[in-house]
C-alpha atoms as a PDB file:
ATOM      1  CA  MET A   1     179.465   0.641   0.159  1.00  0.00           C
ATOM      2  CA  LYS A   2     183.038   0.302   1.294  1.00  0.00           C
ATOM      3  CA  ASP A   3     185.619   2.637  -0.223  1.00  0.00           C
ATOM      4  CA  TYR A   4     188.423   0.203  -1.086  1.00  0.00           C
ATOM      5  CA  THR A   5     192.074   0.919  -1.522  1.00  0.00           C
ATOM      6  CA  ILE A   6     193.655  -0.571  -4.648  1.00  0.00           C
ATOM      7  CA  THR A   7     195.299  -3.244  -2.496  1.00  0.00           C
ATOM      8  CA  GLU A   8     192.008  -4.165  -0.779  1.00  0.00           C
ATOM      9  CA  LEU A   9     190.124  -4.219  -4.041  1.00  0.00           C
ATOM     10  CA  THR A  10     192.760  -6.467  -5.608  1.00  0.00           C
ATOM     11  CA  LYS A  11     192.297  -8.971  -2.762  1.00  0.00           C
ATOM     12  CA  VAL A  12     188.518  -8.928  -3.215  1.00  0.00           C
ATOM     13  CA  VAL A  13     188.887  -9.453  -6.990  1.00  0.00           C
ATOM     14  CA  LYS A  14     191.326 -12.349  -6.558  1.00  0.00           C
ATOM     15  CA  ALA A  15     188.973 -14.051  -4.065  1.00  0.00           C
ATOM     16  CA  SER A  16     186.074 -13.633  -6.506  1.00  0.00           C
ATOM     17  CA  PHE A  17     188.066 -14.935  -9.471  1.00  0.00           C
ATOM     18  CA  ALA A  18     189.228 -17.941  -7.391  1.00  0.00           C
ATOM     19  CA  GLN A  19     185.600 -19.025  -7.167  1.00  0.00           C
ATOM     20  CA  TYR A  20     185.367 -19.404 -10.968  1.00  0.00           C
ATOM     21  CA  ASP A  21     186.821 -22.918 -10.717  1.00  0.00           C
ATOM     22  CA  VAL A  22     183.581 -24.244  -9.192  1.00  0.00           C
ATOM     23  CA  GLN A  23     181.726 -23.292 -12.403  1.00  0.00           C
ATOM     24  CA  GLY A  24     183.535 -26.002 -14.283  1.00  0.00           C
ATOM     25  CA  THR A  25     185.735 -23.682 -16.289  1.00  0.00           C
ATOM     26  CA  ARG A  26     189.505 -23.906 -16.311  1.00  0.00           C
ATOM     27  CA  HIS A  27     191.327 -22.024 -13.563  1.00  0.00           C
ATOM     28  CA  TRP A  28     191.688 -18.385 -14.537  1.00  0.00           C
ATOM     29  CA  THR A  29     195.209 -17.182 -15.082  1.00  0.00           C
ATOM     30  CA  TRP A  30     196.391 -13.734 -16.001  1.00  0.00           C
ATOM     31  CA  ARG A  31     196.514 -14.873 -19.616  1.00  0.00           C
ATOM     32  CA  VAL A  32     192.850 -15.910 -19.594  1.00  0.00           C
ATOM     33  CA  ALA A  33     191.901 -12.631 -17.928  1.00  0.00           C
ATOM     34  CA  ALA A  34     193.933 -10.702 -20.522  1.00  0.00           C
ATOM     35  CA  GLN A  35     192.103 -12.478 -23.330  1.00  0.00           C
ATOM     36  CA  ASP A  36     188.734 -11.804 -21.678  1.00  0.00           C
ATOM     37  CA  LEU A  37     189.629  -8.127 -21.238  1.00  0.00           C
ATOM     38  CA  SER A  38     189.009  -7.446 -24.953  1.00  0.00           C
ATOM     39  CA  TYR A  39     185.564  -9.029 -24.594  1.00  0.00           C
ATOM     40  CA  GLN A  40     184.826  -6.763 -21.644  1.00  0.00           C
ATOM     41  CA  ILE A  41     185.976  -3.684 -23.542  1.00  0.00           C
ATOM     42  CA  GLY A  42     183.695  -4.703 -26.409  1.00  0.00           C
ATOM     43  CA  SER A  43     180.780  -4.970 -23.966  1.00  0.00           C
ATOM     44  CA  LEU A  44     181.614  -1.500 -22.661  1.00  0.00           C
ATOM     45  CA  HIS A  45     181.713  -0.125 -26.187  1.00  0.00           C
ATOM     46  CA  LYS A  46     178.329  -1.711 -26.994  1.00  0.00           C
ATOM     47  CA  VAL A  47     176.585  -0.079 -24.025  1.00  0.00           C
ATOM     48  CA  MET A  48     178.208   3.254 -24.808  1.00  0.00           C
ATOM     49  CA  LEU A  49     176.785   3.034 -28.343  1.00  0.00           C
ATOM     50  CA  GLN A  50     173.390   2.147 -26.856  1.00  0.00           C
ATOM     51  CA  LEU A  51     173.541   5.150 -24.513  1.00  0.00           C
ATOM     52  CA  SER A  52     174.232   7.458 -27.452  1.00  0.00           C
ATOM     53  CA  ASN A  53     171.408   5.869 -29.512  1.00  0.00           C
ATOM     54  CA  ASP A  54     173.922   4.672 -32.097  1.00  0.00           C
ATOM     55  CA  ARG A  55     173.030   1.043 -31.391  1.00  0.00           C
ATOM     56  CA  TYR A  56     169.728  -0.642 -30.611  1.00  0.00           C
ATOM     57  CA  ALA A  57     169.218  -0.747 -26.849  1.00  0.00           C
ATOM     58  CA  ASP A  58     167.277  -4.063 -26.783  1.00  0.00           C
ATOM     59  CA  GLY A  59     164.394  -2.365 -24.957  1.00  0.00           C
ATOM     60  CA  LYS A  60     166.577  -1.145 -22.110  1.00  0.00           C
ATOM     61  CA  ASP A  61     165.919   2.303 -20.701  1.00  0.00           C
ATOM     62  CA  GLN A  62     168.563   4.872 -19.785  1.00  0.00           C
ATOM     63  CA  ALA A  63     168.780   3.722 -16.132  1.00  0.00           C
ATOM     64  CA  GLU A  64     169.318   0.084 -17.153  1.00  0.00           C
ATOM     65  CA  LEU A  65     172.001   1.066 -19.628  1.00  0.00           C
ATOM     66  CA  GLU A  66     173.770   3.183 -16.998  1.00  0.00           C
ATOM     67  CA  GLU A  67     173.723   0.187 -14.646  1.00  0.00           C
ATOM     68  CA  ILE A  68     175.241  -1.982 -17.369  1.00  0.00           C
ATOM     69  CA  LEU A  69     177.867   0.697 -18.032  1.00  0.00           C
ATOM     70  CA  ASN A  70     178.820   0.665 -14.336  1.00  0.00           C
ATOM     71  CA  ASP A  71     179.073  -3.138 -14.385  1.00  0.00           C
ATOM     72  CA  GLU A  72     181.246  -3.199 -17.509  1.00  0.00           C
ATOM     73  CA  LEU A  73     183.631  -0.604 -16.078  1.00  0.00           C
ATOM     74  CA  ALA A  74     183.873  -2.643 -12.850  1.00  0.00           C
ATOM     75  CA  ASP A  75     184.539  -5.819 -14.874  1.00  0.00           C
ATOM     76  CA  ILE A  76     187.393  -4.096 -16.722  1.00  0.00           C
ATOM     77  CA  LEU A  77     188.904  -2.736 -13.518  1.00  0.00           C
ATOM     78  CA  ALA A  78     188.653  -6.167 -11.894  1.00  0.00           C
ATOM     79  CA  GLU A  79     190.453  -7.832 -14.775  1.00  0.00           C
ATOM     80  CA  VAL A  80     193.196  -5.202 -14.829  1.00  0.00           C
ATOM     81  CA  LEU A  81     193.757  -5.602 -11.072  1.00  0.00           C
ATOM     82  CA  TYR A  82     193.788  -9.391 -11.382  1.00  0.00           C
ATOM     83  CA  ILE A  83     196.274  -9.352 -14.292  1.00  0.00           C
ATOM     84  CA  ALA A  84     198.549  -6.924 -12.439  1.00  0.00           C
ATOM     85  CA  SER A  85     198.461  -8.969  -9.264  1.00  0.00           C
ATOM     86  CA  GLU A  86     199.179 -12.229 -11.036  1.00  0.00           C
ATOM     87  CA  ARG A  87     202.076 -10.555 -12.862  1.00  0.00           C
ATOM     88  CA  GLY A  88     203.493  -9.156  -9.616  1.00  0.00           C
ATOM     89  CA  ILE A  89     202.751  -5.561 -10.525  1.00  0.00           C
ATOM     90  CA  ASP A  90     202.059  -3.178  -7.649  1.00  0.00           C
ATOM     91  CA  MET A  91     199.230  -1.031  -9.008  1.00  0.00           C
ATOM     92  CA  ASN A  92     199.787   1.600  -6.335  1.00  0.00           C
ATOM     93  CA  GLN A  93     203.323   2.121  -7.651  1.00  0.00           C
ATOM     94  CA  ALA A  94     202.212   1.810 -11.269  1.00  0.00           C
ATOM     95  CA  MET A  95     199.516   4.439 -10.815  1.00  0.00           C
ATOM     96  CA  ALA A  96     201.902   6.790  -9.048  1.00  0.00           C
ATOM     97  CA  ALA A  97     204.390   6.415 -11.904  1.00  0.00           C
ATOM     98  CA  MET A  98     201.658   6.968 -14.502  1.00  0.00           C
ATOM     99  CA  VAL A  99     200.420  10.150 -12.790  1.00  0.00           C
ATOM    100  CA  LYS A 100     203.993  11.467 -12.520  1.00  0.00           C
ATOM    101  CA  SER A 101     204.602  10.702 -16.189  1.00  0.00           C
ATOM    102  CA  ASP A 102     201.327  12.321 -17.279  1.00  0.00           C
ATOM    103  CA  ARG A 103     202.089  15.459 -15.299  1.00  0.00           C
ATOM    104  CA  ARG A 104     205.523  15.676 -16.911  1.00  0.00           C
ATOM    105  CA  LYS A 105     204.062  15.220 -20.390  1.00  0.00           C
ATOM    106  CA  VAL A 106     201.381  17.855 -19.844  1.00  0.00           C
ATOM    107  CA  LYS A 107     203.961  20.307 -18.500  1.00  0.00           C
ATOM    108  CA  GLU A 108     206.269  19.691 -21.498  1.00  0.00           C
ATOM    109  CA  ARG A 109     203.442  19.983 -24.015  1.00  0.00           C
ATOM    110  CA  THR A 110     202.062  23.109 -22.398  1.00  0.00           C
ATOM    111  CA  LYS A 111     205.470  24.806 -22.637  1.00  0.00           C
ATOM    112  CA  SER A 112     205.584  24.047 -26.380  1.00  0.00           C
ATOM    113  CA  HIS A 113     202.294  25.971 -26.876  1.00  0.00           C
ATOM    114  CA  GLU A 114     203.336  29.107 -25.009  1.00  0.00           C
END
């Protein structure tokens, strides 16, 4: 399996989403992907509940549920990358800014507990 950069993965996702038109659905935009994101998060939540035995697993064993969990996480990442790309957001820069911000917050909060 190829180890993609964020930029490479975004290109793969966009190419995959571009194929949706042949299914007969409307062309996917960032708005459609954003609306579908909540559905994908719900699907992730469902499988997490199944893994913890808090929801009926529909006869699926642990390995099948783990595979579904992987797929749901990939679906969510794909939609986030697609939305960001369509909105002109550089996820490499966004992630760098988020990490910098998190580090600052942790440092500030750690000082307040000393």
